[in-house]
Protein backbone atom coordinates (compact mmCIF):
# COMPACT_ATOMS: atom_id res chain seq x y z
CA MET A 1 62.14 82.94 105.19
CA ASP A 2 63.44 86.01 103.35
CA ILE A 3 66.15 88.16 104.93
CA PHE A 4 65.77 91.94 104.90
CA LEU A 5 68.66 94.37 105.47
CA THR A 6 69.02 98.14 105.49
CA ASN A 7 71.15 98.91 102.45
CA ASN A 8 73.02 102.20 102.87
CA LEU A 9 73.65 102.26 99.12
CA THR A 10 69.93 102.82 98.52
CA ASN A 11 69.15 104.15 102.01
CA LYS A 12 66.25 101.73 102.49
CA LYS A 13 65.44 98.28 103.83
CA GLU A 14 65.57 95.69 101.07
CA GLN A 15 65.03 91.98 100.64
CA PHE A 16 68.40 90.23 100.46
CA VAL A 17 68.71 88.68 96.99
CA PRO A 18 72.23 87.23 96.58
CA ASN A 19 74.21 87.26 93.36
CA ASN A 20 74.43 83.47 93.61
CA LYS A 21 72.29 81.52 96.11
CA LYS A 22 74.86 78.72 96.14
CA SER A 23 77.68 80.96 97.33
CA ILE A 24 77.19 84.04 99.55
CA GLY A 25 80.04 86.52 100.05
CA MET A 26 80.38 88.98 102.95
CA TYR A 27 83.30 91.32 103.64
CA VAL A 28 83.59 93.28 106.90
CA CYS A 29 86.31 95.81 107.70
CA GLY A 30 88.37 94.49 110.58
CA PRO A 31 90.76 96.21 112.98
CA THR A 32 93.67 98.51 112.29
CA VAL A 33 96.01 96.98 114.83
CA TYR A 34 97.72 100.00 116.40
CA ASP A 35 96.03 99.64 119.82
CA ASP A 36 93.87 97.15 121.71
CA PRO A 37 90.26 97.17 120.45
CA HIS A 38 87.74 99.06 122.56
CA ILE A 39 84.10 98.30 123.30
CA GLY A 40 82.99 100.33 120.28
CA ASN A 41 85.00 97.96 118.07
CA ALA A 42 83.18 95.04 119.68
CA ARG A 43 79.82 96.04 118.24
CA PRO A 44 80.54 95.13 114.59
CA LEU A 45 82.28 91.95 115.76
CA VAL A 46 79.05 90.75 117.37
CA ILE A 47 76.58 92.20 114.86
CA PHE A 48 78.23 90.67 111.81
CA ASP A 49 78.83 87.42 113.68
CA ILE A 50 75.05 87.18 114.10
CA LEU A 51 74.51 88.01 110.43
CA PHE A 52 77.02 85.28 109.53
CA LYS A 53 75.03 82.77 111.61
CA LEU A 54 71.76 83.87 110.03
CA LEU A 55 73.12 83.58 106.50
CA LYS A 56 74.50 80.11 107.21
CA ASN A 57 71.06 79.11 108.48
CA SER A 58 69.57 80.05 105.10
CA PHE A 59 72.27 79.24 102.55
CA SER A 60 74.54 76.25 101.99
CA LYS A 61 77.79 78.20 101.49
CA VAL A 62 78.71 81.52 103.08
CA THR A 63 82.19 83.05 102.82
CA TYR A 64 82.87 85.65 105.50
CA VAL A 65 86.05 87.74 105.10
CA ARG A 66 87.26 90.13 107.81
CA ASN A 67 90.60 91.79 107.13
CA ILE A 68 93.37 92.88 109.46
CA THR A 69 95.08 96.17 108.60
CA ASP A 70 98.64 95.68 109.83
CA ILE A 71 100.29 98.57 107.95
CA ASP A 72 99.00 102.12 108.40
CA ASP A 73 100.14 105.58 109.54
CA LYS A 74 98.56 105.02 112.97
CA ILE A 75 100.50 101.77 113.38
CA ILE A 76 103.79 103.45 112.48
CA LYS A 77 103.11 106.34 114.89
CA SER A 78 102.12 103.98 117.73
CA SER A 79 105.19 101.78 117.25
CA GLN A 80 107.44 104.83 117.32
CA GLU A 81 105.81 106.08 120.53
CA LYS A 82 106.23 102.66 122.14
CA LYS A 83 109.74 102.34 120.71
CA ILE A 84 109.09 98.90 119.26
CA SER A 85 108.95 97.61 115.68
CA THR A 86 105.68 97.66 113.76
CA LYS A 87 105.89 93.86 113.53
CA GLU A 88 106.18 93.49 117.30
CA LEU A 89 103.31 95.91 117.84
CA THR A 90 100.95 94.36 115.29
CA GLU A 91 101.61 90.80 116.43
CA LYS A 92 100.82 91.79 120.01
CA ILE A 93 97.59 93.62 119.09
CA ILE A 94 96.45 90.86 116.70
CA SER A 95 96.88 88.31 119.48
CA SER A 96 94.86 90.52 121.83
CA PHE A 97 92.19 90.98 119.15
CA PHE A 98 91.80 87.23 118.70
CA GLU A 99 91.42 86.87 122.47
CA ASP A 100 88.70 89.53 122.37
CA CYS A 101 86.83 87.63 119.65
CA LYS A 102 87.04 84.44 121.69
CA PHE A 103 85.87 86.28 124.81
CA LEU A 104 82.83 87.58 122.90
CA ASN A 105 82.18 84.06 121.53
CA CYS A 106 82.42 85.16 117.90
CA GLU A 107 82.94 82.51 115.25
CA ASN A 108 86.08 82.74 113.18
CA PRO A 109 85.42 84.24 109.72
CA THR A 110 86.17 82.05 106.73
CA HIS A 111 89.25 84.18 105.97
CA GLN A 112 91.15 86.78 108.03
CA PRO A 113 93.73 88.18 105.59
CA LYS A 114 96.46 90.59 106.63
CA ALA A 115 97.23 93.60 104.46
CA THR A 116 101.00 93.02 104.50
CA GLU A 117 100.50 89.58 102.94
CA HIS A 118 98.78 91.05 99.85
CA ILE A 119 100.94 93.99 98.78
CA ASP A 120 101.51 92.40 95.35
CA LEU A 121 97.75 92.41 94.67
CA MET A 122 97.54 96.06 95.66
CA ILE A 123 100.37 96.99 93.29
CA GLU A 124 98.60 95.07 90.53
CA MET A 125 95.35 96.99 91.16
CA ILE A 126 97.18 100.34 91.11
CA ASN A 127 98.73 99.42 87.78
CA GLN A 128 95.26 98.70 86.39
CA LEU A 129 93.95 102.06 87.62
CA ILE A 130 96.87 103.94 86.06
CA LYS A 131 96.49 102.02 82.79
CA LYS A 132 92.78 102.90 82.65
CA ASP A 133 93.56 106.57 83.44
CA PHE A 134 91.78 106.65 86.81
CA ALA A 135 95.01 107.19 88.73
CA TYR A 136 98.21 109.18 88.31
CA GLU A 137 101.75 109.13 89.71
CA ASN A 138 103.57 112.19 90.98
CA ASN A 139 106.78 112.32 92.99
CA ASN A 140 106.62 108.63 94.00
CA HIS A 141 102.99 109.01 95.09
CA VAL A 142 100.01 107.50 93.28
CA TYR A 143 96.55 109.06 93.60
CA PHE A 144 93.05 108.10 92.48
CA GLU A 145 91.48 110.94 90.49
CA VAL A 146 88.02 111.20 92.02
CA LYS A 147 86.46 113.41 89.31
CA LYS A 148 86.85 110.59 86.78
CA PHE A 149 84.40 108.37 88.70
CA SER A 150 80.92 109.82 88.12
CA ASP A 151 79.21 107.73 90.85
CA TYR A 152 81.43 109.04 93.63
CA GLY A 153 79.31 109.96 96.66
CA LYS A 154 76.38 107.62 95.99
CA LEU A 155 77.01 105.55 99.13
CA SER A 156 77.22 108.67 101.28
CA ASN A 157 74.21 110.06 99.39
CA LYS A 158 75.97 113.44 99.15
CA LYS A 159 77.67 115.60 96.55
CA LEU A 160 81.45 115.71 96.53
CA ASP A 161 81.64 119.29 97.88
CA ASP A 162 79.37 118.36 100.80
CA LEU A 163 81.47 115.29 101.59
CA LEU A 164 84.70 117.26 101.63
CA ALA A 165 83.31 120.02 103.84
CA GLY A 166 84.46 119.35 107.38
CA SER A 167 86.19 116.07 106.53
CA ARG A 168 89.87 115.37 106.99
CA VAL A 169 91.38 115.70 103.53
CA GLU A 170 95.11 115.25 103.08
CA VAL A 171 96.71 118.42 101.81
CA SER A 172 99.52 117.73 99.34
CA ASP A 173 101.21 119.52 96.46
CA ASN A 174 101.48 116.12 94.76
CA LYS A 175 97.72 116.02 94.10
CA LYS A 176 95.92 117.35 91.05
CA ASN A 177 92.78 117.96 93.12
CA SER A 178 92.16 118.20 96.87
CA GLU A 179 89.65 115.32 96.84
CA ASP A 180 92.03 112.78 95.22
CA PHE A 181 93.08 110.03 97.61
CA VAL A 182 96.35 108.14 97.90
CA LEU A 183 96.86 104.64 96.53
CA TRP A 184 100.61 104.45 97.16
CA LYS A 185 103.07 106.64 99.03
CA PRO A 186 106.78 106.54 99.79
CA SER A 187 107.94 105.41 103.22
CA ASN A 188 110.28 107.42 105.39
CA LYS A 189 113.58 105.97 106.57
CA ASP A 190 113.15 103.13 109.08
CA GLU A 191 109.46 102.72 108.17
CA PRO A 192 108.08 99.50 106.61
CA SER A 193 108.30 99.60 102.82
CA TRP A 194 107.89 97.44 99.72
CA GLU A 195 109.34 97.71 96.24
CA SER A 196 107.01 99.07 93.58
CA PRO A 197 107.12 100.70 90.11
CA TRP A 198 106.84 104.05 91.95
CA GLY A 199 109.67 103.43 94.39
CA LYS A 200 109.82 101.89 97.85
CA GLY A 201 106.71 102.66 99.84
CA ARG A 202 103.43 101.34 101.16
CA PRO A 203 99.77 101.20 100.05
CA GLY A 204 96.97 103.56 101.00
CA TRP A 205 94.50 102.27 103.59
CA HIS A 206 91.47 102.18 101.26
CA LEU A 207 93.26 100.08 98.65
CA GLU A 208 93.92 97.22 101.07
CA CYS A 209 90.27 96.20 101.39
CA SER A 210 89.66 96.41 97.64
CA ALA A 211 92.54 94.03 96.90
CA MET A 212 91.71 91.51 99.63
CA SER A 213 87.97 91.42 98.95
CA LYS A 214 88.71 90.77 95.27
CA LYS A 215 91.01 87.87 96.09
CA PHE A 216 88.53 86.04 98.33
CA LEU A 217 85.13 87.15 96.98
CA GLY A 218 85.71 88.25 93.39
CA ASN A 219 84.99 91.54 91.63
CA GLU A 220 81.39 91.65 92.88
CA PHE A 221 79.97 90.21 96.09
CA ASP A 222 76.87 90.40 98.25
CA ILE A 223 77.45 92.25 101.54
CA HIS A 224 80.02 94.76 102.74
CA GLY A 225 79.84 95.75 106.40
CA GLY A 226 81.48 97.93 108.99
CA GLY A 227 80.95 100.84 111.36
CA ILE A 228 79.00 103.88 110.21
CA ASP A 229 82.15 106.00 110.50
CA LEU A 230 83.65 104.07 107.56
CA ILE A 231 81.05 105.19 105.00
CA PHE A 232 83.19 108.20 104.09
CA PRO A 233 85.87 108.21 103.01
CA HIS A 234 86.84 104.55 103.37
CA HIS A 235 83.90 102.72 101.81
CA GLU A 236 83.24 105.45 99.26
CA ASN A 237 86.86 105.15 98.09
CA GLU A 238 86.72 101.35 98.04
CA ILE A 239 83.78 101.49 95.66
CA ALA A 240 85.49 103.98 93.35
CA GLN A 241 88.81 102.17 92.99
CA SER A 242 87.28 98.68 92.82
CA ARG A 243 84.66 99.47 90.19
CA CYS A 244 87.16 101.38 88.06
CA ALA A 245 89.89 98.74 88.31
CA ASN A 246 87.51 95.83 87.70
CA ASP A 247 85.15 97.41 85.11
CA THR A 248 82.01 96.57 87.12
CA LYS A 249 78.64 98.25 87.68
CA ILE A 250 78.70 97.34 91.38
CA PHE A 251 81.26 96.41 94.02
CA ALA A 252 79.16 95.13 96.91
CA LYS A 253 75.39 94.83 96.45
CA TYR A 254 74.38 95.58 100.05
CA TRP A 255 76.15 97.96 102.44
CA VAL A 256 75.40 97.40 106.13
CA HIS A 257 76.71 99.72 108.84
CA ASN A 258 76.35 99.69 112.61
CA ALA A 259 75.97 102.88 114.68
CA PHE A 260 78.28 104.16 117.42
CA ILE A 261 78.50 103.24 121.08
CA THR A 262 78.34 106.18 123.47
CA MET A 263 78.92 106.67 127.20
CA SER A 264 76.44 108.98 128.91
CA ASN A 265 75.37 109.90 125.38
CA GLU A 266 78.85 111.12 124.47
CA LYS A 267 80.95 109.48 121.75
CA MET A 268 83.86 107.42 123.05
CA ALA A 269 87.14 109.29 122.63
CA LYS A 270 90.55 109.32 124.26
CA SER A 271 90.18 113.05 124.87
CA GLN A 272 87.06 112.31 126.94
CA GLY A 273 88.85 109.63 128.95
CA ASN A 274 85.97 107.23 128.33
CA ILE A 275 87.58 104.53 126.20
CA LEU A 276 86.89 101.03 127.55
CA LYS A 277 89.02 98.30 126.03
CA ILE A 278 87.51 94.87 125.51
CA LYS A 279 90.43 93.20 127.27
CA ASP A 280 89.63 95.18 130.44
CA PHE A 281 86.49 93.08 130.86
CA ARG A 282 88.17 89.70 130.54
CA ASN A 283 88.21 87.61 133.75
CA LYS A 284 86.03 90.24 135.43
CA ILE A 285 82.73 89.55 133.74
CA SER A 286 81.42 86.95 131.33
CA GLY A 287 81.77 87.73 127.65
CA GLN A 288 78.12 86.71 127.35
CA VAL A 289 77.10 89.78 129.34
CA ILE A 290 79.03 92.04 126.96
CA ARG A 291 77.62 90.19 123.95
CA LEU A 292 74.03 90.50 125.18
CA ALA A 293 74.58 94.20 125.96
CA LEU A 294 75.85 94.79 122.42
CA MET A 295 72.64 93.21 121.06
CA SER A 296 70.32 95.20 123.30
CA ALA A 297 69.79 98.01 120.76
CA HIS A 298 69.19 97.69 117.04
CA TYR A 299 72.48 97.87 115.16
CA LYS A 300 71.38 101.03 113.29
CA GLN A 301 70.75 102.90 116.55
CA PRO A 302 73.36 104.36 118.92
CA LEU A 303 73.95 102.21 122.00
CA ASP A 304 74.67 103.99 125.28
CA TRP A 305 77.09 102.01 127.45
CA ASN A 306 76.44 102.31 131.19
CA ASP A 307 76.38 100.34 134.44
CA LYS A 308 72.63 99.75 134.32
CA LEU A 309 72.92 98.11 130.91
CA ILE A 310 75.59 95.71 132.20
CA ASP A 311 73.66 94.96 135.40
CA ASP A 312 70.45 94.29 133.46
CA CYS A 313 72.20 91.89 131.07
CA GLN A 314 73.96 90.15 133.97
CA ASN A 315 70.62 89.70 135.78
CA THR A 316 68.91 88.46 132.61
CA LEU A 317 71.54 85.79 132.02
CA ASP A 318 71.50 84.90 135.72
CA LYS A 319 67.78 84.19 135.36
CA TRP A 320 68.14 82.32 132.08
CA TYR A 321 70.86 80.07 133.47
CA ARG A 322 68.35 78.67 135.97
CA VAL A 323 66.85 76.52 133.22
CA TYR A 324 70.13 75.75 131.42
CA SER A 325 71.16 72.13 131.08
CA LEU A 326 74.00 70.41 129.25
CA ASP A 327 71.97 67.21 129.03
CA LEU A 328 69.29 68.55 126.68
CA LYS A 329 69.81 67.91 122.97
CA PRO A 330 69.77 70.95 120.66
CA VAL A 331 66.78 71.45 118.37
CA LYS A 332 66.30 73.50 115.20
CA VAL A 333 65.20 77.05 115.95
CA SER A 334 62.02 77.80 114.03
CA ASP A 335 61.57 80.68 111.61
CA LYS A 336 58.86 82.01 113.93
CA VAL A 337 61.43 82.50 116.68
CA LEU A 338 64.07 83.80 114.25
CA LYS A 339 61.69 86.22 112.50
CA PRO A 340 63.06 89.41 114.15
CA LEU A 341 66.57 88.57 112.95
CA TYR A 342 65.29 88.08 109.40
CA GLU A 343 63.79 91.56 109.67
CA ASP A 344 66.99 93.61 109.47
CA LEU A 345 68.76 91.91 112.39
CA ASN A 346 66.26 93.13 114.97
CA THR A 347 68.17 91.81 117.98
CA PRO A 348 65.97 93.56 120.59
CA GLY A 349 62.97 91.80 119.02
CA TYR A 350 64.80 88.48 119.16
CA ILE A 351 65.72 89.05 122.82
CA ALA A 352 62.01 89.70 123.51
CA ASN A 353 61.29 86.29 121.96
CA LEU A 354 63.91 84.73 124.25
CA HIS A 355 62.17 86.22 127.30
CA LYS A 356 58.91 84.56 126.18
CA LEU A 357 60.67 81.24 125.58
CA TYR A 358 62.24 81.48 129.05
CA GLU A 359 58.82 81.84 130.67
CA ASN A 360 57.77 78.56 129.02
CA ALA A 361 61.07 76.86 129.84
CA ASN A 362 60.77 77.92 133.46
CA LYS A 363 57.45 76.04 133.52
CA GLY A 364 59.12 72.96 132.08
CA LYS A 365 58.01 73.53 128.48
CA ASP A 366 60.31 73.56 125.43
CA LYS A 367 63.56 73.93 127.37
CA GLU A 368 65.47 72.56 124.39
CA LEU A 369 64.08 75.30 122.14
CA PHE A 370 64.96 78.07 124.60
CA ILE A 371 68.54 76.85 125.05
CA SER A 372 69.00 76.34 121.29
CA ALA A 373 67.61 79.82 120.58
CA CYS A 374 70.10 81.33 123.03
CA LYS A 375 72.96 79.37 121.50
CA PHE A 376 71.92 80.55 118.02
CA ILE A 377 73.05 84.09 118.87
CA GLY A 378 76.17 82.99 120.75
CA LEU A 379 74.87 82.73 124.33
CA PHE A 380 75.10 79.75 126.72
CA ASN A 381 78.67 78.99 125.66
CA GLU A 382 79.65 78.40 129.31
CA ASP A 383 78.28 75.84 131.74
CA GLN A 384 76.70 76.93 135.02
CA ASN A 385 79.93 76.58 137.01
CA GLN A 386 81.81 78.80 134.58
CA TRP A 387 78.98 81.29 134.69
CA GLU A 388 79.04 81.45 138.49
CA ASN A 389 82.79 82.13 138.43
CA TYR A 390 82.16 85.33 136.52
CA LYS A 391 79.81 86.83 139.09
CA LYS A 392 80.95 90.33 139.92
CA ASN A 393 82.98 90.78 143.10
CA LYS A 394 82.80 93.79 145.41
CA ALA A 395 85.39 96.46 144.73
CA SER A 396 88.51 96.03 146.88
CA ILE A 397 89.25 99.73 147.35
CA THR A 398 88.11 102.47 149.75
CA GLU A 399 86.52 105.78 148.76
CA GLU A 400 89.54 107.65 150.13
CA GLU A 401 91.88 105.61 147.90
CA ILE A 402 89.61 106.25 144.90
CA ASN A 403 89.68 110.01 145.43
CA ILE A 404 93.47 110.00 145.78
CA LYS A 405 93.78 108.08 142.50
CA ILE A 406 91.39 110.50 140.76
CA ASP A 407 93.41 113.51 141.99
CA LEU A 408 96.59 111.92 140.61
CA ARG A 409 94.86 111.22 137.30
CA ASN A 410 93.56 114.79 137.02
CA LYS A 411 97.07 116.09 137.62
CA ALA A 412 98.46 113.77 134.92
CA ARG A 413 95.80 114.98 132.46
CA ALA A 414 96.58 118.61 133.30
CA ASP A 415 100.24 117.85 132.54
CA LYS A 416 99.12 116.15 129.29
CA ASP A 417 100.60 112.87 130.53
CA TYR A 418 97.78 110.83 129.04
CA LYS A 419 99.68 107.57 129.33
CA GLU A 420 99.82 107.96 133.13
CA ALA A 421 96.18 109.08 133.22
CA ASP A 422 95.12 105.97 131.29
CA LYS A 423 97.20 103.79 133.61
CA ILE A 424 95.43 105.18 136.69
CA ARG A 425 92.04 104.74 135.03
CA ASP A 426 92.89 101.11 134.26
CA GLU A 427 94.05 100.54 137.85
CA LEU A 428 90.71 101.82 139.13
CA PHE A 429 88.87 99.66 136.61
CA ASP A 430 90.77 96.61 137.85
CA LYS A 431 89.58 97.46 141.36
CA GLY A 432 85.98 97.56 140.18
CA VAL A 433 85.69 101.34 139.79
CA LEU A 434 84.38 103.01 136.62
CA ILE A 435 85.23 106.70 136.18
CA GLU A 436 83.65 109.23 133.85
CA ASP A 437 84.73 112.77 132.93
CA LYS A 438 81.72 115.02 132.56
CA ASP A 439 81.19 118.79 132.69
CA GLY A 440 84.72 119.37 133.96
CA LYS A 441 84.35 116.89 136.82
CA THR A 442 85.41 113.27 137.29
CA LEU A 443 82.60 111.04 138.55
CA TRP A 444 83.02 107.44 139.70
CA LYS A 445 80.88 104.38 140.37
CA PHE A 446 81.42 100.84 141.49
CA LYS A 447 80.87 98.51 138.55
């Protein structure tokens, strides 16, 4: 059965026609490891894990690359705030990230390259861009000259002036034009640095993905994925530098982006106090519940994260586990059942099919098919005993204690002591209490 995907490069749903049916290539932007991943970061992990499974079901060889950005301004700033080395920080966050992936039952990609292990390839690509007159060096900085790439803005489907309006553009006297973006910059004292023809420094963020995708997938590949927030400037800049360095008409053929996760219809942000880290859910609830919740809306649509969503997914899996059995042999999941996934990863449609299969399985019919269909999207990875151990416990805290904690947190926020405020929020979360800042008030609920 043909696979259809929404291609942001053309802004329409298209049939997936690979460059080479014998070898499919997919690159997805992974984490910048300056802090533990939050629930918004979990969405692309699950969505592209499902796409990986679907592609492997249709093609004999699929190479899935998901990078790790372990050198970046945010990493340097975070390490300085924590008073630890960037290496110590990144190793800790990478370890936590891998635990998150395991918790969500995501398969390991074929390759998970780190940026710091491919600096030589980045320097080589910069040299090519300078040689071909798409980049210039000034005062130990190297910039890509955007005006020299006529297709700039095609992914965003906007003109350059519209893209720049309201976006965060680095202001620098070293640039020829305000829209030019950095490929290499010098490092300050005590910051990580590498030798280069332009002095000791480090690569620009956008360049990292271009170099690593080229190494593992070649100059042109099939699918590039990531969150919708990466379209501009990150993915737009990747296309520009890759096509110019490699002399190609395309970079990736299909661009697939997932939408945001919100809480009470507000975007997650530290300033809102509504960031939920994936690790906060470990040992408190099954990763299957989180995984099912992340699939409950189509990947192109915003997903609002709330208690009802979690409760509904918990109850659904509770019901489905009644017919689960380790003794039944897996069977091939038919295209009829998989059809919603072939139609632009319609996970809500696939979940609807699972509900129908459950009704039959509950009557003793086709239990093997129901269990196999659940496993296809990464569910039923725990036996019934493990599942029961994850049942939610009652919160072990009184209302009076909650209100005291909230008062302390509000004081910390007023004093701009956000570290203390986050600590109190996490303590409440550990006690089974979810807090939300809305309209100048702090509301709370038992999870």
